Amino acid sequence: YGGAVLMGVKAPVVKTHGSSKATTVRNTIGQIKTMVDS
């Protein structure tokens, strides 16, 4: 499901889990892409 998003700021700011490994980082980037695209 990606990371936690700080809503209410002027651009997507996303905090992914501190123990994130490569797959989680990739998924979080997908989440950011959806936010920017939409």
All heavy atoms as atom14 arrays in JSON, in Angstrom:
{
  "sequence": "YGGAVLMGVKAPVVKTHGSSKATTVRNTIGQIKTMVDS",
  "atom14_mask": [
    [1, 1, 1, 1, 1, 1, 1, 1, 1, 1, 1, 1, 0, 0],
    [1, 1, 1, 1, 0, 0, 0, 0, 0, 0, 0, 0, 0, 0],
    [1, 1, 1, 1, 0, 0, 0, 0, 0, 0, 0, 0, 0, 0],
    [1, 1, 1, 1, 1, 0, 0, 0, 0, 0, 0, 0, 0, 0],
    [1, 1, 1, 1, 1, 1, 1, 0, 0, 0, 0, 0, 0, 0],
    [1, 1, 1, 1, 1, 1, 1, 1, 0, 0, 0, 0, 0, 0],
    [1, 1, 1, 1, 1, 1, 1, 1, 0, 0, 0, 0, 0, 0],
    [1, 1, 1, 1, 0, 0, 0, 0, 0, 0, 0, 0, 0, 0],
    [1, 1, 1, 1, 1, 1, 1, 0, 0, 0, 0, 0, 0, 0],
    [1, 1, 1, 1, 1, 1, 1, 1, 1, 0, 0, 0, 0, 0],
    [1, 1, 1, 1, 1, 0, 0, 0, 0, 0, 0, 0, 0, 0],
    [1, 1, 1, 1, 1, 1, 1, 0, 0, 0, 0, 0, 0, 0],
    [1, 1, 1, 1, 1, 1, 1, 0, 0, 0, 0, 0, 0, 0],
    [1, 1, 1, 1, 1, 1, 1, 0, 0, 0, 0, 0, 0, 0],
    [1, 1, 1, 1, 1, 1, 1, 1, 1, 0, 0, 0, 0, 0],
    [1, 1, 1, 1, 1, 1, 1, 0, 0, 0, 0, 0, 0, 0],
    [1, 1, 1, 1, 1, 1, 1, 1, 1, 1, 0, 0, 0, 0],
    [1, 1, 1, 1, 0, 0, 0, 0, 0, 0, 0, 0, 0, 0],
    [1, 1, 1, 1, 1, 1, 0, 0, 0, 0, 0, 0, 0, 0],
    [1, 1, 1, 1, 1, 1, 0, 0, 0, 0, 0, 0, 0, 0],
    [1, 1, 1, 1, 1, 1, 1, 1, 1, 0, 0, 0, 0, 0],
    [1, 1, 1, 1, 1, 0, 0, 0, 0, 0, 0, 0, 0, 0],
    [1, 1, 1, 1, 1, 1, 1, 0, 0, 0, 0, 0, 0, 0],
    [1, 1, 1, 1, 1, 1, 1, 0, 0, 0, 0, 0, 0, 0],
    [1, 1, 1, 1, 1, 1, 1, 0, 0, 0, 0, 0, 0, 0],
    [1, 1, 1, 1, 1, 1, 1, 1, 1, 1, 1, 0, 0, 0],
    [1, 1, 1, 1, 1, 1, 1, 1, 0, 0, 0, 0, 0, 0],
    [1, 1, 1, 1, 1, 1, 1, 0, 0, 0, 0, 0, 0, 0],
    [1, 1, 1, 1, 1, 1, 1, 1, 0, 0, 0, 0, 0, 0],
    [1, 1, 1, 1, 0, 0, 0, 0, 0, 0, 0, 0, 0, 0],
    [1, 1, 1, 1, 1, 1, 1, 1, 1, 0, 0, 0, 0, 0],
    [1, 1, 1, 1, 1, 1, 1, 1, 0, 0, 0, 0, 0, 0],
    [1, 1, 1, 1, 1, 1, 1, 1, 1, 0, 0, 0, 0, 0],
    [1, 1, 1, 1, 1, 1, 1, 0, 0, 0, 0, 0, 0, 0],
    [1, 1, 1, 1, 1, 1, 1, 1, 0, 0, 0, 0, 0, 0],
    [1, 1, 1, 1, 1, 1, 1, 0, 0, 0, 0, 0, 0, 0],
    [1, 1, 1, 1, 1, 1, 1, 1, 0, 0, 0, 0, 0, 0],
    [1, 1, 1, 1, 1, 1, 0, 0, 0, 0, 0, 0, 0, 0]
  ],
  "atom14_positions": [
    [[0.8, -1.22, 0.0], [0.0, 0.0, 0.0], [0.83, 1.27, 0.0], [0.29, 2.36, 0.04], [-0.94, -0.02, 1.21], [-1.77, -1.27, 1.26], [-1.53, -2.26, 2.21], [-2.78, -1.5, 0.33], [-2.28, -3.42, 2.25], [-3.53, -2.66, 0.36], [-3.28, -3.62, 1.32], [-4.01, -4.78, 1.34], [0.0, 0.0, 0.0], [0.0, 0.0, 0.0]],
    [[2.14, 1.14, -0.07], [3.0, 2.32, -0.14], [3.25, 2.93, 1.22], [3.25, 2.26, 2.25], [0.0, 0.0, 0.0], [0.0, 0.0, 0.0], [0.0, 0.0, 0.0], [0.0, 0.0, 0.0], [0.0, 0.0, 0.0], [0.0, 0.0, 0.0], [0.0, 0.0, 0.0], [0.0, 0.0, 0.0], [0.0, 0.0, 0.0], [0.0, 0.0, 0.0]],
    [[3.45, 4.26, 1.24], [3.81, 4.94, 2.47], [2.71, 5.83, 3.01], [1.6, 5.89, 2.47], [0.0, 0.0, 0.0], [0.0, 0.0, 0.0], [0.0, 0.0, 0.0], [0.0, 0.0, 0.0], [0.0, 0.0, 0.0], [0.0, 0.0, 0.0], [0.0, 0.0, 0.0], [0.0, 0.0, 0.0], [0.0, 0.0, 0.0], [0.0, 0.0, 0.0]],
    [[3.03, 6.53, 4.09], [2.1, 7.48, 4.7], [2.31, 8.83, 4.03], [3.45, 9.29, 3.86], [2.34, 7.57, 6.2], [0.0, 0.0, 0.0], [0.0, 0.0, 0.0], [0.0, 0.0, 0.0], [0.0, 0.0, 0.0], [0.0, 0.0, 0.0], [0.0, 0.0, 0.0], [0.0, 0.0, 0.0], [0.0, 0.0, 0.0], [0.0, 0.0, 0.0]],
    [[1.22, 9.48, 3.66], [1.28, 10.74, 2.92], [0.95, 11.91, 3.84], [-0.04, 11.86, 4.58], [0.29, 10.73, 1.74], [0.38, 12.03, 0.94], [0.54, 9.52, 0.84], [0.0, 0.0, 0.0], [0.0, 0.0, 0.0], [0.0, 0.0, 0.0], [0.0, 0.0, 0.0], [0.0, 0.0, 0.0], [0.0, 0.0, 0.0], [0.0, 0.0, 0.0]],
    [[1.76, 12.96, 3.79], [1.45, 14.17, 4.53], [0.49, 15.0, 3.68], [0.9, 15.66, 2.72], [2.73, 14.97, 4.84], [2.53, 16.24, 5.67], [1.95, 15.89, 7.05], [3.84, 17.0, 5.83], [0.0, 0.0, 0.0], [0.0, 0.0, 0.0], [0.0, 0.0, 0.0], [0.0, 0.0, 0.0], [0.0, 0.0, 0.0], [0.0, 0.0, 0.0]],
    [[-0.78, 14.93, 4.0], [-1.81, 15.64, 3.25], [-1.96, 17.06, 3.79], [-1.95, 17.28, 5.0], [-3.15, 14.92, 3.36], [-3.15, 13.51, 2.8], [-2.85, 13.44, 1.03], [-4.36, 14.19, 0.44], [0.0, 0.0, 0.0], [0.0, 0.0, 0.0], [0.0, 0.0, 0.0], [0.0, 0.0, 0.0], [0.0, 0.0, 0.0], [0.0, 0.0, 0.0]],
    [[-2.08, 18.03, 2.86], [-2.24, 19.42, 3.26], [-1.04, 20.27, 2.92], [-1.03, 21.47, 3.2], [0.0, 0.0, 0.0], [0.0, 0.0, 0.0], [0.0, 0.0, 0.0], [0.0, 0.0, 0.0], [0.0, 0.0, 0.0], [0.0, 0.0, 0.0], [0.0, 0.0, 0.0], [0.0, 0.0, 0.0], [0.0, 0.0, 0.0], [0.0, 0.0, 0.0]],
    [[-0.01, 19.68, 2.27], [1.13, 20.45, 1.8], [1.07, 20.55, 0.28], [0.3, 19.85, -0.37], [2.48, 19.84, 2.27], [2.63, 20.01, 3.77], [2.58, 18.38, 1.87], [0.0, 0.0, 0.0], [0.0, 0.0, 0.0], [0.0, 0.0, 0.0], [0.0, 0.0, 0.0], [0.0, 0.0, 0.0], [0.0, 0.0, 0.0], [0.0, 0.0, 0.0]],
    [[1.9, 21.42, -0.3], [1.76, 21.83, -1.69], [2.18, 20.79, -2.72], [2.0, 21.01, -3.92], [2.55, 23.12, -1.92], [2.01, 24.3, -1.13], [2.88, 25.53, -1.34], [2.36, 26.73, -0.55], [3.24, 27.91, -0.7], [0.0, 0.0, 0.0], [0.0, 0.0, 0.0], [0.0, 0.0, 0.0], [0.0, 0.0, 0.0], [0.0, 0.0, 0.0]],
    [[2.75, 19.69, -2.29], [3.15, 18.61, -3.2], [3.18, 17.32, -2.4], [3.24, 17.34, -1.16], [4.52, 18.9, -3.81], [0.0, 0.0, 0.0], [0.0, 0.0, 0.0], [0.0, 0.0, 0.0], [0.0, 0.0, 0.0], [0.0, 0.0, 0.0], [0.0, 0.0, 0.0], [0.0, 0.0, 0.0], [0.0, 0.0, 0.0], [0.0, 0.0, 0.0]],
    [[3.14, 16.16, -3.06], [3.19, 14.89, -2.32], [4.47, 14.75, -1.5], [5.57, 14.83, -2.04], [3.12, 13.84, -3.44], [2.42, 14.52, -4.56], [2.89, 15.95, -4.5], [0.0, 0.0, 0.0], [0.0, 0.0, 0.0], [0.0, 0.0, 0.0], [0.0, 0.0, 0.0], [0.0, 0.0, 0.0], [0.0, 0.0, 0.0], [0.0, 0.0, 0.0]],
    [[4.3, 14.56, -0.2], [5.4, 14.26, 0.72], [5.05, 12.92, 1.35], [4.05, 12.8, 2.05], [5.55, 15.36, 1.8], [6.56, 14.92, 2.86], [5.96, 16.68, 1.17], [0.0, 0.0, 0.0], [0.0, 0.0, 0.0], [0.0, 0.0, 0.0], [0.0, 0.0, 0.0], [0.0, 0.0, 0.0], [0.0, 0.0, 0.0], [0.0, 0.0, 0.0]],
    [[5.88, 11.91, 1.09], [5.52, 10.55, 1.47], [6.6, 9.94, 2.36], [7.78, 9.95, 2.03], [5.3, 9.66, 0.23], [4.88, 8.25, 0.65], [4.23, 10.28, -0.67], [0.0, 0.0, 0.0], [0.0, 0.0, 0.0], [0.0, 0.0, 0.0], [0.0, 0.0, 0.0], [0.0, 0.0, 0.0], [0.0, 0.0, 0.0], [0.0, 0.0, 0.0]],
    [[6.16, 9.4, 3.5], [7.05, 8.7, 4.44], [6.77, 7.21, 4.35], [5.7, 6.75, 4.72], [6.78, 9.21, 5.86], [7.29, 8.31, 7.0], [8.8, 8.28, 7.09], [9.26, 7.57, 8.37], [9.2, 6.09, 8.25], [0.0, 0.0, 0.0], [0.0, 0.0, 0.0], [0.0, 0.0, 0.0], [0.0, 0.0, 0.0], [0.0, 0.0, 0.0]],
    [[7.72, 6.47, 3.83], [7.56, 5.03, 3.8], [8.19, 4.43, 5.05], [8.97, 5.09, 5.75], [8.16, 4.42, 2.52], [7.72, 3.06, 2.39], [9.69, 4.46, 2.52], [0.0, 0.0, 0.0], [0.0, 0.0, 0.0], [0.0, 0.0, 0.0], [0.0, 0.0, 0.0], [0.0, 0.0, 0.0], [0.0, 0.0, 0.0], [0.0, 0.0, 0.0]],
    [[7.85, 3.2, 5.36], [8.25, 2.56, 6.62], [9.77, 2.53, 6.77], [10.49, 2.31, 5.81], [7.69, 1.14, 6.68], [7.51, 0.62, 8.05], [8.57, 0.19, 8.83], [6.41, 0.47, 8.84], [8.12, -0.23, 10.0], [6.81, -0.06, 10.04], [0.0, 0.0, 0.0], [0.0, 0.0, 0.0], [0.0, 0.0, 0.0], [0.0, 0.0, 0.0]],
    [[10.25, 2.73, 7.99], [11.69, 2.73, 8.25], [12.37, 1.42, 7.91], [13.57, 1.4, 7.59], [0.0, 0.0, 0.0], [0.0, 0.0, 0.0], [0.0, 0.0, 0.0], [0.0, 0.0, 0.0], [0.0, 0.0, 0.0], [0.0, 0.0, 0.0], [0.0, 0.0, 0.0], [0.0, 0.0, 0.0], [0.0, 0.0, 0.0], [0.0, 0.0, 0.0]],
    [[11.62, 0.32, 7.96], [12.21, -0.99, 7.64], [11.97, -1.38, 6.19], [12.12, -2.54, 5.82], [11.61, -2.06, 8.56], [10.2, -2.14, 8.39], [0.0, 0.0, 0.0], [0.0, 0.0, 0.0], [0.0, 0.0, 0.0], [0.0, 0.0, 0.0], [0.0, 0.0, 0.0], [0.0, 0.0, 0.0], [0.0, 0.0, 0.0], [0.0, 0.0, 0.0]],
    [[11.59, -0.4, 5.36], [11.27, -0.69, 3.96], [12.47, -1.25, 3.2], [13.6, -0.77, 3.33], [10.8, 0.59, 3.25], [9.56, 1.01, 3.76], [0.0, 0.0, 0.0], [0.0, 0.0, 0.0], [0.0, 0.0, 0.0], [0.0, 0.0, 0.0], [0.0, 0.0, 0.0], [0.0, 0.0, 0.0], [0.0, 0.0, 0.0], [0.0, 0.0, 0.0]],
    [[12.16, -2.26, 2.38], [13.17, -2.79, 1.46], [12.75, -2.42, 0.04], [11.81, -1.67, -0.17], [13.33, -4.29, 1.66], [13.96, -4.62, 3.0], [14.44, -6.07, 3.07], [15.19, -6.32, 4.37], [15.69, -7.72, 4.45], [0.0, 0.0, 0.0], [0.0, 0.0, 0.0], [0.0, 0.0, 0.0], [0.0, 0.0, 0.0], [0.0, 0.0, 0.0]],
    [[13.47, -2.95, -0.93], [13.33, -2.49, -2.31], [11.89, -2.55, -2.83], [11.41, -1.61, -3.48], [14.26, -3.3, -3.21], [0.0, 0.0, 0.0], [0.0, 0.0, 0.0], [0.0, 0.0, 0.0], [0.0, 0.0, 0.0], [0.0, 0.0, 0.0], [0.0, 0.0, 0.0], [0.0, 0.0, 0.0], [0.0, 0.0, 0.0], [0.0, 0.0, 0.0]],
    [[11.19, -3.64, -2.56], [9.83, -3.81, -3.08], [8.9, -2.73, -2.53], [8.07, -2.17, -3.27], [9.28, -5.2, -2.73], [10.13, -6.19, -3.31], [7.88, -5.38, -3.28], [0.0, 0.0, 0.0], [0.0, 0.0, 0.0], [0.0, 0.0, 0.0], [0.0, 0.0, 0.0], [0.0, 0.0, 0.0], [0.0, 0.0, 0.0], [0.0, 0.0, 0.0]],
    [[9.03, -2.43, -1.25], [8.19, -1.4, -0.65], [8.5, -0.04, -1.24], [7.59, 0.76, -1.49], [8.4, -1.37, 0.88], [8.17, -2.66, 1.42], [7.46, -0.38, 1.54], [0.0, 0.0, 0.0], [0.0, 0.0, 0.0], [0.0, 0.0, 0.0], [0.0, 0.0, 0.0], [0.0, 0.0, 0.0], [0.0, 0.0, 0.0], [0.0, 0.0, 0.0]],
    [[9.78, 0.24, -1.46], [10.17, 1.52, -2.07], [9.56, 1.63, -3.47], [9.0, 2.66, -3.84], [11.71, 1.64, -2.15], [12.12, 2.89, -2.93], [12.3, 1.68, -0.74], [0.0, 0.0, 0.0], [0.0, 0.0, 0.0], [0.0, 0.0, 0.0], [0.0, 0.0, 0.0], [0.0, 0.0, 0.0], [0.0, 0.0, 0.0], [0.0, 0.0, 0.0]],
    [[9.64, 0.56, -4.24], [9.04, 0.57, -5.59], [7.53, 0.82, -5.51], [6.99, 1.62, -6.28], [9.3, -0.77, -6.28], [8.71, -0.85, -7.69], [8.62, -2.28, -8.16], [7.71, -3.06, -7.31], [7.64, -4.39, -7.33], [8.41, -5.08, -8.15], [6.8, -5.02, -6.52], [0.0, 0.0, 0.0], [0.0, 0.0, 0.0], [0.0, 0.0, 0.0]],
    [[6.86, 0.13, -4.61], [5.4, 0.3, -4.48], [5.03, 1.71, -4.04], [4.0, 2.26, -4.47], [4.84, -0.72, -3.5], [4.94, -2.15, -4.02], [5.13, -2.37, -5.21], [4.82, -3.11, -3.13], [0.0, 0.0, 0.0], [0.0, 0.0, 0.0], [0.0, 0.0, 0.0], [0.0, 0.0, 0.0], [0.0, 0.0, 0.0], [0.0, 0.0, 0.0]],
    [[5.84, 2.29, -3.17], [5.57, 3.65, -2.71], [5.74, 4.65, -3.86], [4.98, 5.62, -3.96], [6.5, 4.02, -1.54], [6.36, 3.04, -0.5], [6.15, 5.39, -0.97], [0.0, 0.0, 0.0], [0.0, 0.0, 0.0], [0.0, 0.0, 0.0], [0.0, 0.0, 0.0], [0.0, 0.0, 0.0], [0.0, 0.0, 0.0], [0.0, 0.0, 0.0]],
    [[6.71, 4.41, -4.71], [6.89, 5.27, -5.88], [5.67, 5.15, -6.8], [5.22, 6.15, -7.38], [8.19, 4.91, -6.61], [9.39, 5.35, -5.76], [8.25, 5.56, -8.0], [10.72, 4.84, -6.23], [0.0, 0.0, 0.0], [0.0, 0.0, 0.0], [0.0, 0.0, 0.0], [0.0, 0.0, 0.0], [0.0, 0.0, 0.0], [0.0, 0.0, 0.0]],
    [[5.11, 3.95, -6.92], [3.87, 3.78, -7.69], [2.73, 4.58, -7.1], [1.91, 5.16, -7.83], [0.0, 0.0, 0.0], [0.0, 0.0, 0.0], [0.0, 0.0, 0.0], [0.0, 0.0, 0.0], [0.0, 0.0, 0.0], [0.0, 0.0, 0.0], [0.0, 0.0, 0.0], [0.0, 0.0, 0.0], [0.0, 0.0, 0.0], [0.0, 0.0, 0.0]],
    [[2.65, 4.61, -5.78], [1.64, 5.39, -5.07], [1.82, 6.88, -5.38], [0.84, 7.6, -5.66], [1.78, 5.15, -3.57], [0.91, 6.01, -2.68], [1.33, 5.9, -1.21], [2.46, 5.48, -0.91], [0.45, 6.28, -0.32], [0.0, 0.0, 0.0], [0.0, 0.0, 0.0], [0.0, 0.0, 0.0], [0.0, 0.0, 0.0], [0.0, 0.0, 0.0]],
    [[3.05, 7.36, -5.35], [3.34, 8.76, -5.66], [2.95, 9.08, -7.1], [2.37, 10.13, -7.38], [4.83, 9.06, -5.41], [5.14, 8.99, -3.92], [5.2, 10.44, -5.97], [6.62, 9.08, -3.59], [0.0, 0.0, 0.0], [0.0, 0.0, 0.0], [0.0, 0.0, 0.0], [0.0, 0.0, 0.0], [0.0, 0.0, 0.0], [0.0, 0.0, 0.0]],
    [[3.26, 8.18, -8.01], [2.91, 8.38, -9.42], [1.4, 8.59, -9.58], [0.95, 9.48, -10.31], [3.36, 7.19, -10.26], [3.01, 7.3, -11.75], [3.43, 6.05, -12.5], [3.12, 6.19, -13.99], [1.68, 6.37, -14.27], [0.0, 0.0, 0.0], [0.0, 0.0, 0.0], [0.0, 0.0, 0.0], [0.0, 0.0, 0.0], [0.0, 0.0, 0.0]],
    [[0.62, 7.77, -8.88], [-0.83, 7.9, -8.95], [-1.28, 9.26, -8.42], [-2.17, 9.91, -8.99], [-1.52, 6.78, -8.15], [-1.1, 5.51, -8.65], [-3.04, 6.88, -8.24], [0.0, 0.0, 0.0], [0.0, 0.0, 0.0], [0.0, 0.0, 0.0], [0.0, 0.0, 0.0], [0.0, 0.0, 0.0], [0.0, 0.0, 0.0], [0.0, 0.0, 0.0]],
    [[-0.67, 9.72, -7.33], [-1.02, 11.02, -6.76], [-0.72, 12.14, -7.74], [-1.53, 13.05, -7.93], [-0.25, 11.26, -5.46], [-0.75, 10.49, -4.26], [0.01, 11.1, -2.74], [-0.76, 12.7, -2.58], [0.0, 0.0, 0.0], [0.0, 0.0, 0.0], [0.0, 0.0, 0.0], [0.0, 0.0, 0.0], [0.0, 0.0, 0.0], [0.0, 0.0, 0.0]],
    [[0.46, 12.09, -8.36], [0.85, 13.15, -9.29], [-0.01, 13.11, -10.54], [-0.51, 14.14, -11.01], [2.35, 13.05, -9.64], [2.73, 14.1, -10.69], [3.21, 13.23, -8.39], [0.0, 0.0, 0.0], [0.0, 0.0, 0.0], [0.0, 0.0, 0.0], [0.0, 0.0, 0.0], [0.0, 0.0, 0.0], [0.0, 0.0, 0.0], [0.0, 0.0, 0.0]],
    [[-0.21, 11.92, -11.08], [-1.02, 11.77, -12.31], [-2.46, 12.26, -12.11], [-3.04, 12.88, -12.99], [-1.05, 10.31, -12.76], [0.23, 9.88, -13.45], [1.0, 10.76, -13.87], [0.46, 8.66, -13.56], [0.0, 0.0, 0.0], [0.0, 0.0, 0.0], [0.0, 0.0, 0.0], [0.0, 0.0, 0.0], [0.0, 0.0, 0.0], [0.0, 0.0, 0.0]],
    [[-3.02, 11.95, -10.96], [-4.43, 12.3, -10.7], [-4.61, 13.71, -10.18], [-5.72, 14.15, -9.94], [-5.03, 11.31, -9.71], [-4.35, 11.38, -8.45], [0.0, 0.0, 0.0], [0.0, 0.0, 0.0], [0.0, 0.0, 0.0], [0.0, 0.0, 0.0], [0.0, 0.0, 0.0], [0.0, 0.0, 0.0], [0.0, 0.0, 0.0], [0.0, 0.0, 0.0]]
  ]
}
